[in-house]
């Protein structure tokens, strides 16, 4: 069976390609952070596999949805762009930054945290920072003028 291409459909502009790639990078960072957290909890014995499985399952479902949406974004589907912006762009970002912001507001300091961090903590923090940067970059690129024109034409 041959696939008929929509003659109006064009390749996504670089800003949309990059936004989709950044969403996929954010998923990779999120998955990496999940592996780090689960490994640490199990290694320290502070949780059992049965205790971390439900939360890990929810994260895997969110990651799968984000990959699906990023691929739809690349195809020019505006609903995917709006869904990513509203769910992971807003609420996902809040979930990533609320704990560190609360800690800073309670008197914590970044220099203190870095000085007292072990290798695992530093790796996790670096991944979290890159995760947030990827999300913010993706959201910004999704609403650039060339991206807006692409989604209007789709």
C-alpha atoms as a PDB file:
ATOM      1  CA  UNK A   1       0.000   0.000   0.000  1.00  0.00           C
ATOM      2  CA  UNK A   2       1.454   3.358  -0.956  1.00  0.00           C
ATOM      3  CA  UNK A   3       1.326   6.346   1.286  1.00  0.00           C
ATOM      4  CA  UNK A   4      -0.117   9.505  -0.217  1.00  0.00           C
ATOM      5  CA  UNK A   5       1.698  12.601   0.972  1.00  0.00           C
ATOM      6  CA  UNK A   6      -0.256  15.737   1.722  1.00  0.00           C
ATOM      7  CA  UNK A   7       1.092  18.298  -0.771  1.00  0.00           C
ATOM      8  CA  UNK A   8       0.628  21.057   1.824  1.00  0.00           C
ATOM      9  CA  UNK A   9       2.795  19.234   4.351  1.00  0.00           C
ATOM     10  CA  UNK A  10       6.369  20.426   4.529  1.00  0.00           C
ATOM     11  CA  UNK A  11       9.269  19.359   6.644  1.00  0.00           C
ATOM     12  CA  UNK A  12       9.236  21.053  10.028  1.00  0.00           C
ATOM     13  CA  UNK A  13      11.390  24.144  10.319  1.00  0.00           C
ATOM     14  CA  UNK A  14      14.592  23.822  12.353  1.00  0.00           C
ATOM     15  CA  UNK A  15      12.977  25.428  15.436  1.00  0.00           C
ATOM     16  CA  UNK A  16      10.320  22.695  15.525  1.00  0.00           C
ATOM     17  CA  UNK A  17      12.875  19.947  14.856  1.00  0.00           C
ATOM     18  CA  UNK A  18      15.031  21.297  17.669  1.00  0.00           C
ATOM     19  CA  UNK A  19      12.056  21.665  20.025  1.00  0.00           C
ATOM     20  CA  UNK A  20      11.094  18.035  19.428  1.00  0.00           C
ATOM     21  CA  UNK A  21      14.697  16.946  19.989  1.00  0.00           C
ATOM     22  CA  UNK A  22      14.831  18.929  23.233  1.00  0.00           C
ATOM     23  CA  UNK A  23      11.628  17.219  24.411  1.00  0.00           C
ATOM     24  CA  UNK A  24      13.246  13.851  23.699  1.00  0.00           C
ATOM     25  CA  UNK A  25      16.356  14.968  25.596  1.00  0.00           C
ATOM     26  CA  UNK A  26      14.166  16.024  28.532  1.00  0.00           C
ATOM     27  CA  UNK A  27      12.629  12.539  28.533  1.00  0.00           C
ATOM     28  CA  UNK A  28      16.100  10.991  28.536  1.00  0.00           C
ATOM     29  CA  UNK A  29      17.172  13.165  31.469  1.00  0.00           C
ATOM     30  CA  UNK A  30      13.963  12.297  33.325  1.00  0.00           C
ATOM     31  CA  UNK A  31      14.517   8.586  32.751  1.00  0.00           C
ATOM     32  CA  UNK A  32      18.122   8.919  33.915  1.00  0.00           C
ATOM     33  CA  UNK A  33      17.006  10.734  37.082  1.00  0.00           C
ATOM     34  CA  UNK A  34      14.431   8.016  37.737  1.00  0.00           C
ATOM     35  CA  UNK A  35      17.079   5.307  37.433  1.00  0.00           C
ATOM     36  CA  UNK A  36      19.349   7.233  39.808  1.00  0.00           C
ATOM     37  CA  UNK A  37      16.599   7.729  42.391  1.00  0.00           C
ATOM     38  CA  UNK A  38      15.353   4.140  42.272  1.00  0.00           C
ATOM     39  CA  UNK A  39      18.901   2.762  42.401  1.00  0.00           C
ATOM     40  CA  UNK A  40      19.766   4.897  45.400  1.00  0.00           C
ATOM     41  CA  UNK A  41      16.582   3.995  47.290  1.00  0.00           C
ATOM     42  CA  UNK A  42      17.103   0.288  46.663  1.00  0.00           C
ATOM     43  CA  UNK A  43      20.839   0.420  47.427  1.00  0.00           C
ATOM     44  CA  UNK A  44      20.292   2.269  50.711  1.00  0.00           C
ATOM     45  CA  UNK A  45      17.434  -0.057  51.621  1.00  0.00           C
ATOM     46  CA  UNK A  46      15.074   2.853  52.285  1.00  0.00           C
ATOM     47  CA  UNK A  47      12.505   1.392  49.880  1.00  0.00           C
ATOM     48  CA  UNK A  48      11.666  -1.947  48.374  1.00  0.00           C
ATOM     49  CA  UNK A  49      11.154  -2.680  44.704  1.00  0.00           C
ATOM     50  CA  UNK A  50       7.413  -3.048  45.347  1.00  0.00           C
ATOM     51  CA  UNK A  51       7.349   0.421  46.904  1.00  0.00           C
ATOM     52  CA  UNK A  52       9.113   2.190  44.030  1.00  0.00           C
ATOM     53  CA  UNK A  53       7.421   0.276  41.204  1.00  0.00           C
ATOM     54  CA  UNK A  54       4.161   2.296  41.140  1.00  0.00           C
ATOM     55  CA  UNK A  55       5.938   5.660  41.000  1.00  0.00           C
ATOM     56  CA  UNK A  56       8.390   4.369  38.409  1.00  0.00           C
ATOM     57  CA  UNK A  57       5.444   3.091  36.377  1.00  0.00           C
ATOM     58  CA  UNK A  58       3.793   6.501  36.413  1.00  0.00           C
ATOM     59  CA  UNK A  59       7.041   8.098  35.278  1.00  0.00           C
ATOM     60  CA  UNK A  60       7.417   5.608  32.426  1.00  0.00           C
ATOM     61  CA  UNK A  61       3.864   6.418  31.304  1.00  0.00           C
ATOM     62  CA  UNK A  62       4.639  10.160  31.370  1.00  0.00           C
ATOM     63  CA  UNK A  63       7.848   9.561  29.420  1.00  0.00           C
ATOM     64  CA  UNK A  64       5.985   7.500  26.813  1.00  0.00           C
ATOM     65  CA  UNK A  65       3.342  10.216  26.449  1.00  0.00           C
ATOM     66  CA  UNK A  66       6.043  12.883  26.090  1.00  0.00           C
ATOM     67  CA  UNK A  67       7.789  10.916  23.337  1.00  0.00           C
ATOM     68  CA  UNK A  68       4.461  10.441  21.530  1.00  0.00           C
ATOM     69  CA  UNK A  69       3.689  14.163  21.806  1.00  0.00           C
ATOM     70  CA  UNK A  70       7.190  15.185  20.665  1.00  0.00           C
ATOM     71  CA  UNK A  71       6.829  13.031  17.565  1.00  0.00           C
ATOM     72  CA  UNK A  72       3.390  14.538  16.859  1.00  0.00           C
ATOM     73  CA  UNK A  73       4.856  17.995  17.415  1.00  0.00           C
ATOM     74  CA  UNK A  74       7.420  17.288  14.715  1.00  0.00           C
ATOM     75  CA  UNK A  75       4.566  16.376  12.353  1.00  0.00           C
ATOM     76  CA  UNK A  76       2.951  19.771  12.868  1.00  0.00           C
ATOM     77  CA  UNK A  77       0.081  18.768  15.108  1.00  0.00           C
ATOM     78  CA  UNK A  78      -0.792  21.876  17.105  1.00  0.00           C
ATOM     79  CA  UNK A  79      -2.714  19.947  19.759  1.00  0.00           C
ATOM     80  CA  UNK A  80       0.551  18.175  20.642  1.00  0.00           C
ATOM     81  CA  UNK A  81       2.335  21.522  20.964  1.00  0.00           C
ATOM     82  CA  UNK A  82      -0.374  22.908  23.230  1.00  0.00           C
ATOM     83  CA  UNK A  83      -0.518  19.725  25.298  1.00  0.00           C
ATOM     84  CA  UNK A  84       3.251  19.690  25.810  1.00  0.00           C
ATOM     85  CA  UNK A  85       3.292  23.379  26.746  1.00  0.00           C
ATOM     86  CA  UNK A  86       0.415  23.099  29.214  1.00  0.00           C
ATOM     87  CA  UNK A  87       1.259  19.799  30.862  1.00  0.00           C
ATOM     88  CA  UNK A  88       5.006  19.306  30.844  1.00  0.00           C
ATOM     89  CA  UNK A  89       5.970  22.881  30.075  1.00  0.00           C
ATOM     90  CA  UNK A  90       4.075  24.291  33.044  1.00  0.00           C
ATOM     91  CA  UNK A  91       3.244  21.529  35.504  1.00  0.00           C
ATOM     92  CA  UNK A  92       6.247  19.368  34.652  1.00  0.00           C
ATOM     93  CA  UNK A  93       8.619  22.289  35.152  1.00  0.00           C
ATOM     94  CA  UNK A  94       6.971  23.164  38.449  1.00  0.00           C
ATOM     95  CA  UNK A  95       7.410  19.582  39.635  1.00  0.00           C
ATOM     96  CA  UNK A  96      11.115  19.777  38.769  1.00  0.00           C
ATOM     97  CA  UNK A  97      11.868  23.066  40.481  1.00  0.00           C
ATOM     98  CA  UNK A  98       9.443  23.375  43.406  1.00  0.00           C
ATOM     99  CA  UNK A  99      11.482  21.339  45.894  1.00  0.00           C
ATOM    100  CA  UNK A 100      14.799  23.152  45.245  1.00  0.00           C
ATOM    101  CA  UNK A 101      13.046  26.547  45.287  1.00  0.00           C
ATOM    102  CA  UNK A 102      11.347  25.729  48.598  1.00  0.00           C
ATOM    103  CA  UNK A 103      14.695  24.606  50.004  1.00  0.00           C
ATOM    104  CA  UNK A 104      16.341  27.876  48.902  1.00  0.00           C
ATOM    105  CA  UNK A 105      13.472  29.923  50.353  1.00  0.00           C
ATOM    106  CA  UNK A 106      13.903  28.086  53.660  1.00  0.00           C
ATOM    107  CA  UNK A 107      17.493  29.320  53.864  1.00  0.00           C
ATOM    108  CA  UNK A 108      19.437  26.713  51.909  1.00  0.00           C
ATOM    109  CA  UNK A 109      22.358  27.870  49.811  1.00  0.00           C
ATOM    110  CA  UNK A 110      23.692  26.535  46.539  1.00  0.00           C
ATOM    111  CA  UNK A 111      27.304  26.738  47.716  1.00  0.00           C
ATOM    112  CA  UNK A 112      26.368  24.709  50.812  1.00  0.00           C
ATOM    113  CA  UNK A 113      24.625  22.094  48.703  1.00  0.00           C
ATOM    114  CA  UNK A 114      27.559  21.768  46.304  1.00  0.00           C
ATOM    115  CA  UNK A 115      30.086  21.566  49.138  1.00  0.00           C
ATOM    116  CA  UNK A 116      28.103  18.807  50.859  1.00  0.00           C
ATOM    117  CA  UNK A 117      27.150  16.827  47.764  1.00  0.00           C
ATOM    118  CA  UNK A 118      28.517  13.432  46.902  1.00  0.00           C
ATOM    119  CA  UNK A 119      29.112  12.266  43.326  1.00  0.00           C
ATOM    120  CA  UNK A 120      25.566  10.898  43.001  1.00  0.00           C
ATOM    121  CA  UNK A 121      24.085  14.198  44.170  1.00  0.00           C
ATOM    122  CA  UNK A 122      26.185  16.202  41.728  1.00  0.00           C
ATOM    123  CA  UNK A 123      25.275  13.898  38.836  1.00  0.00           C
ATOM    124  CA  UNK A 124      21.606  14.118  39.745  1.00  0.00           C
ATOM    125  CA  UNK A 125      21.751  17.926  40.036  1.00  0.00           C
ATOM    126  CA  UNK A 126      23.504  18.249  36.680  1.00  0.00           C
ATOM    127  CA  UNK A 127      20.899  16.031  35.049  1.00  0.00           C
ATOM    128  CA  UNK A 128      18.054  17.984  36.640  1.00  0.00           C
ATOM    129  CA  UNK A 129      19.509  21.298  35.453  1.00  0.00           C
ATOM    130  CA  UNK A 130      19.899  19.969  31.896  1.00  0.00           C
ATOM    131  CA  UNK A 131      16.366  18.536  32.101  1.00  0.00           C
ATOM    132  CA  UNK A 132      14.896  21.933  33.024  1.00  0.00           C
ATOM    133  CA  UNK A 133      16.969  23.725  30.363  1.00  0.00           C
ATOM    134  CA  UNK A 134      15.763  21.240  27.718  1.00  0.00           C
ATOM    135  CA  UNK A 135      12.112  21.795  28.684  1.00  0.00           C
ATOM    136  CA  UNK A 136      12.407  25.584  28.763  1.00  0.00           C
ATOM    137  CA  UNK A 137      14.269  25.576  25.453  1.00  0.00           C
ATOM    138  CA  UNK A 138      11.672  23.330  23.818  1.00  0.00           C
ATOM    139  CA  UNK A 139       8.766  25.469  24.997  1.00  0.00           C
ATOM    140  CA  UNK A 140      10.490  28.640  23.807  1.00  0.00           C
ATOM    141  CA  UNK A 141      11.237  27.192  20.371  1.00  0.00           C
ATOM    142  CA  UNK A 142       7.713  25.785  19.919  1.00  0.00           C
ATOM    143  CA  UNK A 143       6.299  29.308  19.885  1.00  0.00           C
ATOM    144  CA  UNK A 144       8.852  31.070  17.688  1.00  0.00           C
ATOM    145  CA  UNK A 145       7.416  32.807  14.576  1.00  0.00           C
ATOM    146  CA  UNK A 146       8.580  30.060  12.176  1.00  0.00           C
ATOM    147  CA  UNK A 147       7.056  27.422  14.448  1.00  0.00           C
ATOM    148  CA  UNK A 148       3.784  29.356  14.650  1.00  0.00           C
ATOM    149  CA  UNK A 149       3.653  29.574  10.842  1.00  0.00           C
ATOM    150  CA  UNK A 150       4.338  25.843  10.552  1.00  0.00           C
ATOM    151  CA  UNK A 151       1.522  24.940  12.940  1.00  0.00           C
ATOM    152  CA  UNK A 152      -0.905  27.315  11.201  1.00  0.00           C
ATOM    153  CA  UNK A 153      -0.181  25.700   7.825  1.00  0.00           C
ATOM    154  CA  UNK A 154      -0.614  22.156   9.139  1.00  0.00           C
END
